[in-house]
Amino acid sequence: MTRTRLAVLGSPIAHSKSPAIHRAAYAALGLDWTYEATDVTGATLPAYLESRDATWRGLSLTMPLKRDVIPLLDWRAPLVDLVGGANTVLLTDDGLRGYNTDVYGVQRSFREAGVVSLESVHVIGAGATAASVIAGVAGLGAHTVTVAARTPEKARPLEALGERLGVAVSTVGWEARPEADAVVSTLPGGEYGLEFPEAVRRASVLFDVAYDPWPSALANQWTQAGGRVIAGIELLLNQALGQVRIFVAGDPDLPVDDEGAVVAAMRAAVWEY
C-alpha cells in the first residue's frame, strides 16, 4: 500500500498556510499526495497517531504538539532531543520517526537574506521556538545570545541549551534592548508594545517569526528606521521545505528533484492563499 496522505496538526489549525504550501510542492514534483489540516490537541494526539494506517506518510506539528509528540516517537533525530521539539513525523513500517526542521528553517531564512554569519543575537520570548532559534544561530557562528523573557525562570532551559551548543545564553529583562547583530522575535502575531531605539533598528537585522498579521508592529518599526527585516513567512516556507525533503526522501539534508522550481511553487502558493 502506497503512503500518500499527509497533514498538519494543531488546535486551532484551520488558518494554517501549510496545506497550500505542501500541496504546491507535491504538485510540482508530480506526486499525487494529499495534505490536510486536522484539529488535534495534546490530549487527542496519542489516539490520532495510533489510528493512522499504512496510507499515511507524514505529519507536520504545531505547538504544543512539537513537545507532546516526543514520548510517542519510535525514533528521534538528535536535533529533536537537543531543542526539545519535533515538528515533523515520518510514518514508516518501523514506526514513527521524529525530526526538527525549524532549526534548518531559521538558518536558511537568514542565509537567503544575505546574513551568513552572526556574532550576537537578541531573542524575544523564551518558548520552544526560541530554542530552535538559538540552535539555528549557533550554526551561523553566534557566540552570545540574550533572551528577553517576562518570566525569567522559563528561560533557564535555554541557558542550558546554550551550554550544550557552546553559546553564552543569558536572560535579560523584558525591557532590555542590547546591541546585537540580529533581533529575533519568537512571539505570536500581535501587538506587544515593544519599542526599540532607532540606533538598534538601523544596526540590527530583525527576524520576526510571526507572519499573520504582516507586517508586524516590529517590522513596521524597522522599516521606518530603514532597517533590514526578515519576514516570518520565510521561516514557514523554509521549515516546510525541510519537511518536504523528509516526506519525499526520508532525509532533511537531501534536496528534492528540481528543488528551485519546487520552492518557487511553494512561495507562489503562499501569496495566492
C-alpha atoms as a PDB file:
ATOM      1  CA  MET A   1       0.000   0.000   0.000  1.00  0.00           C
ATOM      2  CA  THR A   2       1.374   3.387  -1.016  1.00  0.00           C
ATOM      3  CA  ARG A   3       1.723   6.075   1.642  1.00  0.00           C
ATOM      4  CA  THR A   4       0.157   9.165   0.057  1.00  0.00           C
ATOM      5  CA  ARG A   5      -1.552  11.007   2.930  1.00  0.00           C
ATOM      6  CA  LEU A   6      -0.128  13.873   4.980  1.00  0.00           C
ATOM      7  CA  ALA A   7      -1.488  16.508   7.354  1.00  0.00           C
ATOM      8  CA  VAL A   8      -0.612  19.390   9.632  1.00  0.00           C
ATOM      9  CA  LEU A   9      -1.878  19.006  13.193  1.00  0.00           C
ATOM     10  CA  GLY A  10      -2.733  21.655  15.761  1.00  0.00           C
ATOM     11  CA  SER A  11      -5.539  23.435  17.541  1.00  0.00           C
ATOM     12  CA  PRO A  12      -6.711  25.778  16.136  1.00  0.00           C
ATOM     13  CA  ILE A  13      -5.423  24.841  12.704  1.00  0.00           C
ATOM     14  CA  ALA A  14      -7.983  25.937  10.089  1.00  0.00           C
ATOM     15  CA  HIS A  15      -5.986  29.127   9.392  1.00  0.00           C
ATOM     16  CA  SER A  16      -2.794  27.225   8.525  1.00  0.00           C
ATOM     17  CA  LYS A  17      -0.998  28.013   5.264  1.00  0.00           C
ATOM     18  CA  SER A  18       0.799  24.665   5.388  1.00  0.00           C
ATOM     19  CA  PRO A  19      -1.730  22.782   3.200  1.00  0.00           C
ATOM     20  CA  ALA A  20      -1.322  25.308   0.380  1.00  0.00           C
ATOM     21  CA  ILE A  21       2.477  25.215   0.639  1.00  0.00           C
ATOM     22  CA  HIS A  22       2.795  21.435   0.738  1.00  0.00           C
ATOM     23  CA  ARG A  23       0.203  20.748  -1.946  1.00  0.00           C
ATOM     24  CA  ALA A  24       2.084  23.092  -4.276  1.00  0.00           C
ATOM     25  CA  ALA A  25       5.330  21.226  -3.584  1.00  0.00           C
ATOM     26  CA  TYR A  26       3.940  17.781  -4.323  1.00  0.00           C
ATOM     27  CA  ALA A  27       2.143  19.017  -7.420  1.00  0.00           C
ATOM     28  CA  ALA A  28       5.446  20.447  -8.692  1.00  0.00           C
ATOM     29  CA  LEU A  29       7.064  17.066  -8.035  1.00  0.00           C
ATOM     30  CA  GLY A  30       4.309  15.222  -9.878  1.00  0.00           C
ATOM     31  CA  LEU A  31       3.206  13.377  -6.736  1.00  0.00           C
ATOM     32  CA  ASP A  32      -0.481  12.581  -6.243  1.00  0.00           C
ATOM     33  CA  TRP A  33      -0.372  13.083  -2.485  1.00  0.00           C
ATOM     34  CA  THR A  34      -2.952  14.693  -0.210  1.00  0.00           C
ATOM     35  CA  TYR A  35      -2.226  17.146   2.607  1.00  0.00           C
ATOM     36  CA  GLU A  36      -4.899  18.392   5.000  1.00  0.00           C
ATOM     37  CA  ALA A  37      -5.231  20.397   8.217  1.00  0.00           C
ATOM     38  CA  THR A  38      -6.599  18.458  11.204  1.00  0.00           C
ATOM     39  CA  ASP A  39      -7.563  19.777  14.621  1.00  0.00           C
ATOM     40  CA  VAL A  40      -5.616  17.735  17.174  1.00  0.00           C
ATOM     41  CA  THR A  41      -4.739  18.603  20.765  1.00  0.00           C
ATOM     42  CA  GLY A  42      -2.147  17.160  23.096  1.00  0.00           C
ATOM     43  CA  ALA A  43      -4.889  15.084  24.729  1.00  0.00           C
ATOM     44  CA  THR A  44      -6.063  13.572  21.440  1.00  0.00           C
ATOM     45  CA  LEU A  45      -2.636  13.182  19.810  1.00  0.00           C
ATOM     46  CA  PRO A  46      -1.877   9.618  21.068  1.00  0.00           C
ATOM     47  CA  ALA A  47      -5.166   8.223  19.766  1.00  0.00           C
ATOM     48  CA  TYR A  48      -4.783  10.095  16.482  1.00  0.00           C
ATOM     49  CA  LEU A  49      -1.323   8.663  15.854  1.00  0.00           C
ATOM     50  CA  GLU A  50      -2.433   5.166  16.837  1.00  0.00           C
ATOM     51  CA  SER A  51      -5.274   5.303  14.320  1.00  0.00           C
ATOM     52  CA  ARG A  52      -3.141   6.161  11.266  1.00  0.00           C
ATOM     53  CA  ASP A  53      -2.970   3.298   8.775  1.00  0.00           C
ATOM     54  CA  ALA A  54      -0.459   2.392   6.066  1.00  0.00           C
ATOM     55  CA  THR A  55      -1.801   5.070   3.689  1.00  0.00           C
ATOM     56  CA  TRP A  56      -0.238   7.765   5.866  1.00  0.00           C
ATOM     57  CA  ARG A  57       3.202   9.154   5.050  1.00  0.00           C
ATOM     58  CA  GLY A  58       3.824  12.127   7.325  1.00  0.00           C
ATOM     59  CA  LEU A  59       2.655  14.843   9.703  1.00  0.00           C
ATOM     60  CA  SER A  60       3.597  18.438  10.402  1.00  0.00           C
ATOM     61  CA  LEU A  61       3.112  19.590  14.001  1.00  0.00           C
ATOM     62  CA  THR A  62       2.436  22.964  15.588  1.00  0.00           C
ATOM     63  CA  MET A  63       2.948  23.854  19.254  1.00  0.00           C
ATOM     64  CA  PRO A  64       2.395  22.407  21.793  1.00  0.00           C
ATOM     65  CA  LEU A  65       2.308  19.138  19.844  1.00  0.00           C
ATOM     66  CA  LYS A  66       6.013  19.541  18.994  1.00  0.00           C
ATOM     67  CA  ARG A  67       6.752  18.643  22.607  1.00  0.00           C
ATOM     68  CA  ASP A  68       3.806  16.352  23.252  1.00  0.00           C
ATOM     69  CA  VAL A  69       4.824  14.004  20.443  1.00  0.00           C
ATOM     70  CA  ILE A  70       8.339  13.262  21.733  1.00  0.00           C
ATOM     71  CA  PRO A  71       7.449  10.339  24.061  1.00  0.00           C
ATOM     72  CA  LEU A  72       5.278   8.847  21.303  1.00  0.00           C
ATOM     73  CA  LEU A  73       8.107   8.544  18.764  1.00  0.00           C
ATOM     74  CA  ASP A  74       9.920   5.316  17.965  1.00  0.00           C
ATOM     75  CA  TRP A  75      12.992   7.185  16.705  1.00  0.00           C
ATOM     76  CA  ARG A  76      14.173  10.782  17.120  1.00  0.00           C
ATOM     77  CA  ALA A  77      16.754  12.773  15.213  1.00  0.00           C
ATOM     78  CA  PRO A  78      19.407  14.129  17.621  1.00  0.00           C
ATOM     79  CA  LEU A  79      18.188  17.672  16.971  1.00  0.00           C
ATOM     80  CA  VAL A  80      14.781  16.779  18.443  1.00  0.00           C
ATOM     81  CA  ASP A  81      16.330  15.948  21.796  1.00  0.00           C
ATOM     82  CA  LEU A  82      18.671  18.936  21.630  1.00  0.00           C
ATOM     83  CA  VAL A  83      15.929  21.566  21.252  1.00  0.00           C
ATOM     84  CA  GLY A  84      13.104  19.607  22.874  1.00  0.00           C
ATOM     85  CA  GLY A  85      10.708  19.585  19.961  1.00  0.00           C
ATOM     86  CA  ALA A  86       9.755  17.678  16.794  1.00  0.00           C
ATOM     87  CA  ASN A  87       7.760  19.480  14.123  1.00  0.00           C
ATOM     88  CA  THR A  88       7.846  16.598  11.632  1.00  0.00           C
ATOM     89  CA  VAL A  89       6.808  12.945  11.889  1.00  0.00           C
ATOM     90  CA  LEU A  90       7.540  10.387   9.192  1.00  0.00           C
ATOM     91  CA  LEU A  91       5.317   7.305   9.358  1.00  0.00           C
ATOM     92  CA  THR A  92       7.199   4.165   8.346  1.00  0.00           C
ATOM     93  CA  ASP A  93       6.789   0.414   8.578  1.00  0.00           C
ATOM     94  CA  ASP A  94       9.204   0.570  11.518  1.00  0.00           C
ATOM     95  CA  GLY A  95       7.266   3.207  13.434  1.00  0.00           C
ATOM     96  CA  LEU A  96       7.176   6.957  13.939  1.00  0.00           C
ATOM     97  CA  ARG A  97      10.333   8.938  13.162  1.00  0.00           C
ATOM     98  CA  GLY A  98      10.612  12.466  14.558  1.00  0.00           C
ATOM     99  CA  TYR A  99      12.555  15.391  13.077  1.00  0.00           C
ATOM    100  CA  ASN A 100      13.015  19.114  13.658  1.00  0.00           C
ATOM    101  CA  THR A 101      13.179  21.342  10.559  1.00  0.00           C
ATOM    102  CA  ASP A 102      12.671  24.626  12.409  1.00  0.00           C
ATOM    103  CA  VAL A 103      16.418  24.972  13.015  1.00  0.00           C
ATOM    104  CA  TYR A 104      17.092  24.483   9.301  1.00  0.00           C
ATOM    105  CA  GLY A 105      14.328  26.994   8.550  1.00  0.00           C
ATOM    106  CA  VAL A 106      15.952  29.620  10.773  1.00  0.00           C
ATOM    107  CA  GLN A 107      19.357  29.185   9.161  1.00  0.00           C
ATOM    108  CA  ARG A 108      18.087  29.148   5.582  1.00  0.00           C
ATOM    109  CA  SER A 109      15.960  32.252   6.211  1.00  0.00           C
ATOM    110  CA  PHE A 110      18.981  34.201   7.447  1.00  0.00           C
ATOM    111  CA  ARG A 111      21.216  32.993   4.619  1.00  0.00           C
ATOM    112  CA  GLU A 112      18.660  33.821   1.920  1.00  0.00           C
ATOM    113  CA  ALA A 113      18.542  37.346   3.357  1.00  0.00           C
ATOM    114  CA  GLY A 114      22.306  37.596   2.955  1.00  0.00           C
ATOM    115  CA  VAL A 115      23.101  37.025   6.638  1.00  0.00           C
ATOM    116  CA  VAL A 116      25.645  34.210   6.531  1.00  0.00           C
ATOM    117  CA  SER A 117      27.256  34.759   9.932  1.00  0.00           C
ATOM    118  CA  LEU A 118      26.306  36.247  13.291  1.00  0.00           C
ATOM    119  CA  GLU A 119      28.223  37.096  16.439  1.00  0.00           C
ATOM    120  CA  SER A 120      25.444  38.229  18.781  1.00  0.00           C
ATOM    121  CA  VAL A 121      21.669  37.772  18.798  1.00  0.00           C
ATOM    122  CA  HIS A 122      18.861  39.144  20.952  1.00  0.00           C
ATOM    123  CA  VAL A 123      15.855  36.790  21.202  1.00  0.00           C
ATOM    124  CA  ILE A 124      12.439  37.988  22.381  1.00  0.00           C
ATOM    125  CA  GLY A 125      10.467  35.212  24.064  1.00  0.00           C
ATOM    126  CA  ALA A 126      11.567  32.025  25.804  1.00  0.00           C
ATOM    127  CA  GLY A 127       9.375  29.281  24.359  1.00  0.00           C
ATOM    128  CA  ALA A 128      10.057  26.314  22.100  1.00  0.00           C
ATOM    129  CA  THR A 129      10.636  28.487  19.043  1.00  0.00           C
ATOM    130  CA  ALA A 130      13.370  30.333  20.912  1.00  0.00           C
ATOM    131  CA  ALA A 131      15.205  27.026  21.394  1.00  0.00           C
ATOM    132  CA  SER A 132      15.201  26.376  17.651  1.00  0.00           C
ATOM    133  CA  VAL A 133      16.343  29.946  17.006  1.00  0.00           C
ATOM    134  CA  ILE A 134      19.268  29.569  19.391  1.00  0.00           C
ATOM    135  CA  ALA A 135      20.319  26.294  17.771  1.00  0.00           C
ATOM    136  CA  GLY A 136      19.950  27.911  14.368  1.00  0.00           C
ATOM    137  CA  VAL A 137      22.043  30.994  15.075  1.00  0.00           C
ATOM    138  CA  ALA A 138      24.671  28.833  16.782  1.00  0.00           C
ATOM    139  CA  GLY A 139      25.117  27.174  13.406  1.00  0.00           C
ATOM    140  CA  LEU A 140      25.716  30.629  11.926  1.00  0.00           C
ATOM    141  CA  GLY A 141      28.524  31.286  14.395  1.00  0.00           C
ATOM    142  CA  ALA A 142      26.731  33.228  17.126  1.00  0.00           C
ATOM    143  CA  HIS A 143      28.734  33.319  20.360  1.00  0.00           C
ATOM    144  CA  THR A 144      26.342  35.286  22.580  1.00  0.00           C
ATOM    145  CA  VAL A 145      22.549  35.284  22.842  1.00  0.00           C
ATOM    146  CA  THR A 146      20.414  37.378  25.166  1.00  0.00           C
ATOM    147  CA  VAL A 147      16.878  36.189  25.834  1.00  0.00           C
ATOM    148  CA  ALA A 148      14.195  38.660  26.904  1.00  0.00           C
ATOM    149  CA  ALA A 149      11.613  36.804  28.980  1.00  0.00           C
ATOM    150  CA  ARG A 150       8.694  38.081  31.030  1.00  0.00           C
ATOM    151  CA  THR A 151       9.216  35.115  33.339  1.00  0.00           C
ATOM    152  CA  PRO A 152      12.990  34.578  33.682  1.00  0.00           C
ATOM    153  CA  GLU A 153      12.535  31.027  35.006  1.00  0.00           C
ATOM    154  CA  LYS A 154      11.176  29.960  31.605  1.00  0.00           C
ATOM    155  CA  ALA A 155      14.484  30.894  30.000  1.00  0.00           C
ATOM    156  CA  ARG A 156      16.618  28.614  32.189  1.00  0.00           C
ATOM    157  CA  PRO A 157      16.355  25.648  29.770  1.00  0.00           C
ATOM    158  CA  LEU A 158      17.601  27.964  27.017  1.00  0.00           C
ATOM    159  CA  GLU A 159      20.663  28.813  29.070  1.00  0.00           C
ATOM    160  CA  ALA A 160      21.322  25.084  29.471  1.00  0.00           C
ATOM    161  CA  LEU A 161      20.862  24.634  25.715  1.00  0.00           C
ATOM    162  CA  GLY A 162      23.436  27.359  25.147  1.00  0.00           C
ATOM    163  CA  GLU A 163      25.934  25.452  27.273  1.00  0.00           C
ATOM    164  CA  ARG A 164      25.460  22.349  25.127  1.00  0.00           C
ATOM    165  CA  LEU A 165      25.922  24.418  21.971  1.00  0.00           C
ATOM    166  CA  GLY A 166      28.890  26.424  23.211  1.00  0.00           C
ATOM    167  CA  VAL A 167      26.887  29.661  23.111  1.00  0.00           C
ATOM    168  CA  ALA A 168      26.731  32.078  26.032  1.00  0.00           C
ATOM    169  CA  VAL A 169      22.974  32.464  26.604  1.00  0.00           C
ATOM    170  CA  SER A 170      21.867  34.934  29.262  1.00  0.00           C
ATOM    171  CA  THR A 171      18.426  36.083  30.380  1.00  0.00           C
ATOM    172  CA  VAL A 172      17.637  39.791  30.431  1.00  0.00           C
ATOM    173  CA  GLY A 173      14.598  41.832  31.414  1.00  0.00           C
ATOM    174  CA  TRP A 174      11.649  42.281  29.092  1.00  0.00           C
ATOM    175  CA  GLU A 175      12.571  45.918  28.527  1.00  0.00           C
ATOM    176  CA  ALA A 176      16.238  45.239  27.705  1.00  0.00           C
ATOM    177  CA  ARG A 177      17.424  46.442  24.297  1.00  0.00           C
ATOM    178  CA  PRO A 178      21.021  45.194  23.986  1.00  0.00           C
ATOM    179  CA  GLU A 179      23.120  45.780  20.888  1.00  0.00           C
ATOM    180  CA  ALA A 180      23.202  42.693  18.657  1.00  0.00           C
ATOM    181  CA  ASP A 181      23.736  41.681  15.056  1.00  0.00           C
ATOM    182  CA  ALA A 182      20.174  40.378  14.912  1.00  0.00           C
ATOM    183  CA  VAL A 183      16.949  40.718  16.879  1.00  0.00           C
ATOM    184  CA  VAL A 184      14.636  37.708  16.640  1.00  0.00           C
ATOM    185  CA  SER A 185      11.064  37.890  17.886  1.00  0.00           C
ATOM    186  CA  THR A 186       9.554  34.477  18.601  1.00  0.00           C
ATOM    187  CA  LEU A 187       6.232  35.927  19.753  1.00  0.00           C
ATOM    188  CA  PRO A 188       2.929  35.056  18.040  1.00  0.00           C
ATOM    189  CA  GLY A 189       1.416  37.708  15.807  1.00  0.00           C
ATOM    190  CA  GLY A 190       0.064  40.695  17.702  1.00  0.00           C
ATOM    191  CA  GLU A 191       0.949  43.994  19.322  1.00  0.00           C
ATOM    192  CA  TYR A 192       3.217  43.727  22.370  1.00  0.00           C
ATOM    193  CA  GLY A 193       4.141  47.359  22.887  1.00  0.00           C
ATOM    194  CA  LEU A 194       7.822  46.733  22.203  1.00  0.00           C
ATOM    195  CA  GLU A 195       9.807  49.793  21.219  1.00  0.00           C
ATOM    196  CA  PHE A 196      13.419  49.700  20.047  1.00  0.00           C
ATOM    197  CA  PRO A 197      15.793  52.667  19.741  1.00  0.00           C
ATOM    198  CA  GLU A 198      16.415  53.858  16.214  1.00  0.00           C
ATOM    199  CA  ALA A 199      20.099  53.009  16.513  1.00  0.00           C
ATOM    200  CA  VAL A 200      19.248  49.347  17.190  1.00  0.00           C
ATOM    201  CA  ARG A 201      16.752  49.219  14.340  1.00  0.00           C
ATOM    202  CA  ARG A 202      19.318  50.585  11.903  1.00  0.00           C
ATOM    203  CA  ALA A 203      22.179  48.348  13.037  1.00  0.00           C
ATOM    204  CA  SER A 204      20.430  45.015  13.697  1.00  0.00           C
ATOM    205  CA  VAL A 205      18.563  42.826  11.235  1.00  0.00           C
ATOM    206  CA  LEU A 206      15.081  41.925  12.504  1.00  0.00           C
ATOM    207  CA  PHE A 207      13.747  38.403  12.068  1.00  0.00           C
ATOM    208  CA  ASP A 208      10.111  38.319  13.202  1.00  0.00           C
ATOM    209  CA  VAL A 209       8.849  34.735  13.045  1.00  0.00           C
ATOM    210  CA  ALA A 210       5.204  35.836  13.155  1.00  0.00           C
ATOM    211  CA  TYR A 211       3.563  36.141   9.731  1.00  0.00           C
ATOM    212  CA  ASP A 212      -0.065  36.969  10.459  1.00  0.00           C
ATOM    213  CA  PRO A 213      -0.811  39.845  10.511  1.00  0.00           C
ATOM    214  CA  TRP A 214       2.019  41.153   8.386  1.00  0.00           C
ATOM    215  CA  PRO A 215       3.796  43.486   8.518  1.00  0.00           C
ATOM    216  CA  SER A 216       4.016  43.165  12.268  1.00  0.00           C
ATOM    217  CA  ALA A 217       4.363  46.143  14.581  1.00  0.00           C
ATOM    218  CA  LEU A 218       8.071  45.393  14.986  1.00  0.00           C
ATOM    219  CA  ALA A 219       8.557  45.065  11.230  1.00  0.00           C
ATOM    220  CA  ASN A 220       6.959  48.474  10.759  1.00  0.00           C
ATOM    221  CA  GLN A 221       9.347  49.948  13.334  1.00  0.00           C
ATOM    222  CA  TRP A 222      12.363  48.560  11.499  1.00  0.00           C
ATOM    223  CA  THR A 223      11.111  49.669   8.091  1.00  0.00           C
ATOM    224  CA  GLN A 224      10.517  53.193   9.339  1.00  0.00           C
ATOM    225  CA  ALA A 225      14.123  53.357  10.514  1.00  0.00           C
ATOM    226  CA  GLY A 226      15.468  51.952   7.257  1.00  0.00           C
ATOM    227  CA  GLY A 227      16.445  48.679   8.914  1.00  0.00           C
ATOM    228  CA  ARG A 228      16.559  45.172   7.417  1.00  0.00           C
ATOM    229  CA  VAL A 229      13.642  42.790   8.035  1.00  0.00           C
ATOM    230  CA  ILE A 230      13.242  39.044   7.505  1.00  0.00           C
ATOM    231  CA  ALA A 231       9.554  38.124   7.368  1.00  0.00           C
ATOM    232  CA  GLY A 232       8.139  35.244   9.362  1.00  0.00           C
ATOM    233  CA  ILE A 233       6.712  33.670   6.226  1.00  0.00           C
ATOM    234  CA  GLU A 234      10.296  32.818   5.279  1.00  0.00           C
ATOM    235  CA  LEU A 235      10.597  30.536   8.299  1.00  0.00           C
ATOM    236  CA  LEU A 236       7.284  28.880   7.440  1.00  0.00           C
ATOM    237  CA  LEU A 237       8.439  28.221   3.883  1.00  0.00           C
ATOM    238  CA  ASN A 238      11.919  27.038   4.759  1.00  0.00           C
ATOM    239  CA  GLN A 239      10.931  24.678   7.546  1.00  0.00           C
ATOM    240  CA  ALA A 240       8.293  23.305   5.156  1.00  0.00           C
ATOM    241  CA  LEU A 241      10.995  22.648   2.561  1.00  0.00           C
ATOM    242  CA  GLY A 242      12.844  20.568   5.137  1.00  0.00           C
ATOM    243  CA  GLN A 243       9.646  18.630   5.735  1.00  0.00           C
ATOM    244  CA  VAL A 244       9.116  18.050   2.019  1.00  0.00           C
ATOM    245  CA  ARG A 245      12.627  16.584   1.813  1.00  0.00           C
ATOM    246  CA  ILE A 246      11.822  14.236   4.691  1.00  0.00           C
ATOM    247  CA  PHE A 247       8.460  13.155   3.290  1.00  0.00           C
ATOM    248  CA  VAL A 248       9.900  12.584  -0.201  1.00  0.00           C
ATOM    249  CA  ALA A 249      13.317  11.099   0.559  1.00  0.00           C
ATOM    250  CA  GLY A 250      13.426  10.495   4.314  1.00  0.00           C
ATOM    251  CA  ASP A 251      16.370  12.881   4.679  1.00  0.00           C
ATOM    252  CA  PRO A 252      16.162  16.598   5.617  1.00  0.00           C
ATOM    253  CA  ASP A 253      19.566  17.220   4.005  1.00  0.00           C
ATOM    254  CA  LEU A 254      18.764  15.669   0.615  1.00  0.00           C
ATOM    255  CA  PRO A 255      17.362  18.196  -1.910  1.00  0.00           C
ATOM    256  CA  VAL A 256      14.389  17.057  -3.965  1.00  0.00           C
ATOM    257  CA  ASP A 257      14.431  16.987  -7.770  1.00  0.00           C
ATOM    258  CA  ASP A 258      14.413  20.442  -9.363  1.00  0.00           C
ATOM    259  CA  GLU A 259      14.215  21.994  -5.919  1.00  0.00           C
ATOM    260  CA  GLY A 260      14.354  25.549  -7.235  1.00  0.00           C
ATOM    261  CA  ALA A 261      11.084  25.043  -9.105  1.00  0.00           C
ATOM    262  CA  VAL A 262       9.528  23.346  -6.080  1.00  0.00           C
ATOM    263  CA  VAL A 263      10.439  26.261  -3.818  1.00  0.00           C
ATOM    264  CA  ALA A 264       9.061  28.729  -6.368  1.00  0.00           C
ATOM    265  CA  ALA A 265       5.753  26.853  -6.414  1.00  0.00           C
ATOM    266  CA  MET A 266       5.627  26.826  -2.612  1.00  0.00           C
ATOM    267  CA  ARG A 267       6.312  30.553  -2.464  1.00  0.00           C
ATOM    268  CA  ALA A 268       3.668  31.329  -5.076  1.00  0.00           C
ATOM    269  CA  ALA A 269       1.129  29.283  -3.111  1.00  0.00           C
ATOM    270  CA  VAL A 270       1.697  31.421  -0.010  1.00  0.00           C
ATOM    271  CA  TRP A 271       0.814  34.634  -1.776  1.00  0.00           C
ATOM    272  CA  GLU A 272      -2.155  33.074  -3.570  1.00  0.00           C
ATOM    273  CA  TYR A 273      -3.506  31.620  -0.324  1.00  0.00           C
END
